[in-house]
C-alpha atoms as a PDB file:
ATOM      1  CA  MET A   1       6.314 -16.974  10.068  1.00  0.00           C
ATOM      2  CA  PHE A   2       4.146 -13.894  10.366  1.00  0.00           C
ATOM      3  CA  THR A   3       2.800 -12.680  13.703  1.00  0.00           C
ATOM      4  CA  ILE A   4       0.131 -10.406  15.125  1.00  0.00           C
ATOM      5  CA  ASN A   5       2.768  -7.650  14.934  1.00  0.00           C
ATOM      6  CA  ASP A   6       2.858  -7.787  11.116  1.00  0.00           C
ATOM      7  CA  PHE A   7       1.053  -5.102   9.131  1.00  0.00           C
ATOM      8  CA  PHE A   8       0.394  -4.754   5.425  1.00  0.00           C
ATOM      9  CA  ILE A   9       0.596  -1.088   4.443  1.00  0.00           C
ATOM     10  CA  ASP A  10      -1.820   0.115   1.747  1.00  0.00           C
ATOM     11  CA  SER A  11      -0.595   2.750  -0.690  1.00  0.00           C
ATOM     12  CA  SER A  12      -3.032   5.294   0.786  1.00  0.00           C
ATOM     13  CA  ILE A  13      -0.936   5.328   3.965  1.00  0.00           C
ATOM     14  CA  LEU A  14       2.265   6.051   2.036  1.00  0.00           C
ATOM     15  CA  ILE A  15       0.609   8.592  -0.254  1.00  0.00           C
ATOM     16  CA  GLU A  16      -0.851  10.610   2.611  1.00  0.00           C
ATOM     17  CA  PHE A  17       2.414  10.352   4.554  1.00  0.00           C
ATOM     18  CA  ASN A  18       4.260  11.776   1.520  1.00  0.00           C
ATOM     19  CA  LYS A  19       1.784  14.673   1.420  1.00  0.00           C
ATOM     20  CA  GLY A  20       2.336  15.361   5.132  1.00  0.00           C
ATOM     21  CA  ASN A  21      -1.146  14.167   6.117  1.00  0.00           C
ATOM     22  CA  LYS A  22      -2.288  11.479   8.557  1.00  0.00           C
ATOM     23  CA  ARG A  23       1.199  10.465   9.645  1.00  0.00           C
ATOM     24  CA  LYS A  24       0.564   9.292  13.208  1.00  0.00           C
ATOM     25  CA  LEU A  25      -0.276   5.603  12.716  1.00  0.00           C
ATOM     26  CA  PHE A  26       2.461   4.825  10.187  1.00  0.00           C
ATOM     27  CA  THR A  27       5.024   6.754  12.252  1.00  0.00           C
ATOM     28  CA  GLU A  28       4.087   4.724  15.345  1.00  0.00           C
ATOM     29  CA  LEU A  29       4.402   1.440  13.458  1.00  0.00           C
ATOM     30  CA  LEU A  30       7.815   2.369  12.063  1.00  0.00           C
ATOM     31  CA  ALA A  31       9.088   3.613  15.416  1.00  0.00           C
ATOM     32  CA  ASN A  32       8.334   0.372  17.236  1.00  0.00           C
ATOM     33  CA  ASP A  33      10.823  -2.439  16.581  1.00  0.00           C
ATOM     34  CA  ILE A  34       8.291  -5.180  17.285  1.00  0.00           C
ATOM     35  CA  PHE A  35       6.132  -4.192  14.308  1.00  0.00           C
ATOM     36  CA  LYS A  36       6.959  -5.171  10.738  1.00  0.00           C
ATOM     37  CA  CYS A  37       5.373  -3.418   7.785  1.00  0.00           C
ATOM     38  CA  TYR A  38       4.904  -5.088   4.403  1.00  0.00           C
ATOM     39  CA  VAL A  39       4.007  -3.967   0.868  1.00  0.00           C
ATOM     40  CA  ASN A  40       3.645  -5.626  -2.531  1.00  0.00           C
ATOM     41  CA  GLU A  41       4.125  -4.579  -6.154  1.00  0.00           C
ATOM     42  CA  VAL A  42       0.673  -2.948  -6.317  1.00  0.00           C
ATOM     43  CA  VAL A  43       1.460  -0.668  -3.388  1.00  0.00           C
ATOM     44  CA  LEU A  44       4.859   0.177  -4.868  1.00  0.00           C
ATOM     45  CA  SER A  45       3.281   1.088  -8.223  1.00  0.00           C
ATOM     46  CA  GLU A  46       0.420   3.139  -6.767  1.00  0.00           C
ATOM     47  CA  PHE A  47       2.699   4.988  -4.363  1.00  0.00           C
ATOM     48  CA  LEU A  48       5.284   5.890  -7.019  1.00  0.00           C
ATOM     49  CA  TYR A  49       2.596   7.066  -9.444  1.00  0.00           C
ATOM     50  CA  HIS A  50       1.102   9.373  -6.815  1.00  0.00           C
ATOM     51  CA  PHE A  51       4.592  10.415  -5.730  1.00  0.00           C
ATOM     52  CA  LEU A  52       5.221  11.690  -9.267  1.00  0.00           C
ATOM     53  CA  ALA A  53       1.884  13.491  -9.350  1.00  0.00           C
ATOM     54  CA  TYR A  54       2.415  15.179  -5.993  1.00  0.00           C
ATOM     55  CA  ASN A  55       6.088  16.089  -6.326  1.00  0.00           C
ATOM     56  CA  ALA A  56       6.018  17.533  -9.833  1.00  0.00           C
ATOM     57  CA  THR A  57       4.199  20.365 -11.539  1.00  0.00           C
ATOM     58  CA  LYS A  58       2.682  18.172 -14.261  1.00  0.00           C
ATOM     59  CA  SER A  59       0.717  14.948 -14.496  1.00  0.00           C
ATOM     60  CA  PRO A  60       2.740  11.710 -14.393  1.00  0.00           C
ATOM     61  CA  GLN A  61       2.059  11.135 -18.094  1.00  0.00           C
ATOM     62  CA  ALA A  62       3.231  14.666 -18.989  1.00  0.00           C
ATOM     63  CA  ILE A  63       6.369  14.149 -16.902  1.00  0.00           C
ATOM     64  CA  LYS A  64       7.075  10.912 -18.747  1.00  0.00           C
ATOM     65  CA  GLU A  65       6.520  12.500 -22.149  1.00  0.00           C
ATOM     66  CA  SER A  66       8.879  15.356 -21.283  1.00  0.00           C
ATOM     67  CA  GLY A  67      11.565  12.876 -20.168  1.00  0.00           C
ATOM     68  CA  LYS A  68      11.778  14.450 -16.716  1.00  0.00           C
ATOM     69  CA  ILE A  69      10.768  11.699 -14.309  1.00  0.00           C
ATOM     70  CA  ASN A  70      14.238  11.949 -12.799  1.00  0.00           C
ATOM     71  CA  GLU A  71      13.542  15.542 -11.677  1.00  0.00           C
ATOM     72  CA  ALA A  72      10.676  14.411  -9.416  1.00  0.00           C
ATOM     73  CA  PHE A  73      13.066  12.052  -7.663  1.00  0.00           C
ATOM     74  CA  GLU A  74      15.875  14.626  -7.459  1.00  0.00           C
ATOM     75  CA  ASN A  75      13.605  17.160  -5.774  1.00  0.00           C
ATOM     76  CA  SER A  76      12.402  14.839  -3.007  1.00  0.00           C
ATOM     77  CA  LYS A  77      13.852  11.853  -1.203  1.00  0.00           C
ATOM     78  CA  GLN A  78      10.465  11.093   0.375  1.00  0.00           C
ATOM     79  CA  TYR A  79      10.024   8.151  -2.035  1.00  0.00           C
ATOM     80  CA  ARG A  80      12.524   6.275   0.111  1.00  0.00           C
ATOM     81  CA  LEU A  81       9.940   5.832   2.837  1.00  0.00           C
ATOM     82  CA  ILE A  82       8.749   2.718   1.029  1.00  0.00           C
ATOM     83  CA  ASN A  83      12.159   1.202   1.818  1.00  0.00           C
ATOM     84  CA  MET A  84      11.085   1.094   5.457  1.00  0.00           C
ATOM     85  CA  CYS A  85       8.730  -1.742   4.536  1.00  0.00           C
ATOM     86  CA  HIS A  86       9.441  -5.347   3.662  1.00  0.00           C
ATOM     87  CA  PHE A  87       8.447  -6.559   0.203  1.00  0.00           C
ATOM     88  CA  LEU A  88       6.110  -9.518  -0.316  1.00  0.00           C
ATOM     89  CA  ALA A  89       6.143 -11.194  -3.729  1.00  0.00           C
ATOM     90  CA  ASN A  90       3.112 -13.075  -4.993  1.00  0.00           C
ATOM     91  CA  ASP A  91       2.703 -16.037  -7.276  1.00  0.00           C
ATOM     92  CA  LYS A  92       0.030 -17.355  -9.620  1.00  0.00           C
ATOM     93  CA  LYS A  93      -2.261 -18.281  -6.715  1.00  0.00           C
ATOM     94  CA  LEU A  94      -3.510 -14.713  -7.158  1.00  0.00           C
ATOM     95  CA  PHE A  95      -5.131 -15.742 -10.466  1.00  0.00           C
ATOM     96  CA  SER A  96      -7.911 -17.570  -8.676  1.00  0.00           C
ATOM     97  CA  ILE A  97      -8.151 -15.593  -5.435  1.00  0.00           C
ATOM     98  CA  VAL A  98      -8.302 -12.049  -6.846  1.00  0.00           C
ATOM     99  CA  PRO A  99     -11.394 -12.489  -9.080  1.00  0.00           C
ATOM    100  CA  GLU A 100     -13.195 -14.233  -6.212  1.00  0.00           C
ATOM    101  CA  LEU A 101     -12.451 -11.359  -3.820  1.00  0.00           C
ATOM    102  CA  MET A 102     -13.471  -8.790  -6.434  1.00  0.00           C
ATOM    103  CA  ALA A 103     -16.820 -10.486  -6.981  1.00  0.00           C
ATOM    104  CA  LYS A 104     -17.481 -11.306  -3.333  1.00  0.00           C
ATOM    105  CA  TYR A 105     -16.731  -7.805  -1.952  1.00  0.00           C
ATOM    106  CA  ASN A 106     -17.156  -5.531  -5.000  1.00  0.00           C
ATOM    107  CA  LEU A 107     -13.446  -4.599  -4.915  1.00  0.00           C
ATOM    108  CA  LEU A 108     -11.371  -3.134  -7.702  1.00  0.00           C
ATOM    109  CA  SER A 109      -8.445  -5.262  -8.866  1.00  0.00           C
ATOM    110  CA  ASN A 110      -5.641  -3.518  -6.949  1.00  0.00           C
ATOM    111  CA  ASP A 111      -7.579  -3.660  -3.676  1.00  0.00           C
ATOM    112  CA  ALA A 112      -8.321  -7.344  -4.277  1.00  0.00           C
ATOM    113  CA  ILE A 113      -4.619  -8.014  -4.931  1.00  0.00           C
ATOM    114  CA  ILE A 114      -3.736  -6.266  -1.669  1.00  0.00           C
ATOM    115  CA  LEU A 115      -6.294  -8.301   0.269  1.00  0.00           C
ATOM    116  CA  ALA A 116      -5.180 -11.514  -1.457  1.00  0.00           C
ATOM    117  CA  THR A 117      -1.573 -10.750  -0.511  1.00  0.00           C
ATOM    118  CA  CYS A 118      -2.601 -10.476   3.143  1.00  0.00           C
ATOM    119  CA  LYS A 119      -4.440 -13.793   2.896  1.00  0.00           C
ATOM    120  CA  LEU A 120      -1.698 -15.675   1.040  1.00  0.00           C
ATOM    121  CA  HIS A 121       1.013 -14.506   3.423  1.00  0.00           C
ATOM    122  CA  ASN A 122      -1.118 -14.722   6.569  1.00  0.00           C
ATOM    123  CA  ILE A 123      -0.655 -11.045   7.383  1.00  0.00           C
ATOM    124  CA  PRO A 124      -3.261 -10.402  10.097  1.00  0.00           C
ATOM    125  CA  ASN A 125      -3.439  -6.586   9.814  1.00  0.00           C
ATOM    126  CA  LEU A 126      -4.106  -4.188   6.951  1.00  0.00           C
ATOM    127  CA  VAL A 127      -3.436  -0.471   7.467  1.00  0.00           C
ATOM    128  CA  SER A 128      -5.288   1.800   5.056  1.00  0.00           C
ATOM    129  CA  HIS A 129      -7.200   5.046   4.661  1.00  0.00           C
ATOM    130  CA  ASP A 130      -9.558   3.234   2.273  1.00  0.00           C
ATOM    131  CA  SER A 131     -12.848   2.233   3.874  1.00  0.00           C
ATOM    132  CA  ASP A 132     -13.579  -0.019   0.858  1.00  0.00           C
ATOM    133  CA  PHE A 133     -11.614  -2.671   2.730  1.00  0.00           C
ATOM    134  CA  ALA A 134     -13.951  -2.721   5.767  1.00  0.00           C
ATOM    135  CA  GLU A 135     -16.402  -5.433   4.696  1.00  0.00           C
ATOM    136  CA  ALA A 136     -13.741  -7.479   2.920  1.00  0.00           C
ATOM    137  CA  CYS A 137     -11.340  -7.483   5.866  1.00  0.00           C
ATOM    138  CA  GLN A 138     -14.102  -8.424   8.252  1.00  0.00           C
ATOM    139  CA  GLY A 139     -15.204 -11.244   5.958  1.00  0.00           C
ATOM    140  CA  GLU A 140     -11.663 -12.558   5.530  1.00  0.00           C
ATOM    141  CA  GLY A 141     -10.638 -12.284   9.200  1.00  0.00           C
ATOM    142  CA  ILE A 142      -8.115  -9.501   8.675  1.00  0.00           C
ATOM    143  CA  ASN A 143      -7.882  -6.577  11.104  1.00  0.00           C
ATOM    144  CA  LEU A 144      -8.324  -3.235   9.352  1.00  0.00           C
ATOM    145  CA  LEU A 145      -6.632  -0.264  10.973  1.00  0.00           C
ATOM    146  CA  ILE A 146      -7.755   3.133   9.709  1.00  0.00           C
ATOM    147  CA  GLU A 147      -6.287   6.366  11.008  1.00  0.00           C
ATOM    148  CA  GLU A 148      -9.074   8.840  11.616  1.00  0.00           C
END
């Protein structure tokens, strides 16, 4: 059962943390044992893509084509910060919820999947640097925490 102390972490939080920016809120959540942080496959994918882009000298596609993705991971262990979160898997209920959220709140697909994950798993809090979630979270009864 999820509680008020459960937080879904958007990829923007992890991406900025990896860059050394806006670290206060996520650091406070991780440091407090009563809080649990969650992610899904969308957050994992977005974070790792940006991790490659930030920690290498080429674009992620160029790194892939050169066969050197492993070098980005050898040069930084910061990608392990996602292991501090719990993983939430989704099922085919997303097929109906995601298009509805996209249409209702003018969200792109990944943001709608993130919001749907919060709804399906009854996660009451979403932590993000993305203000696109503001109206949607308010409409769906989810607390949005944004680090200024």
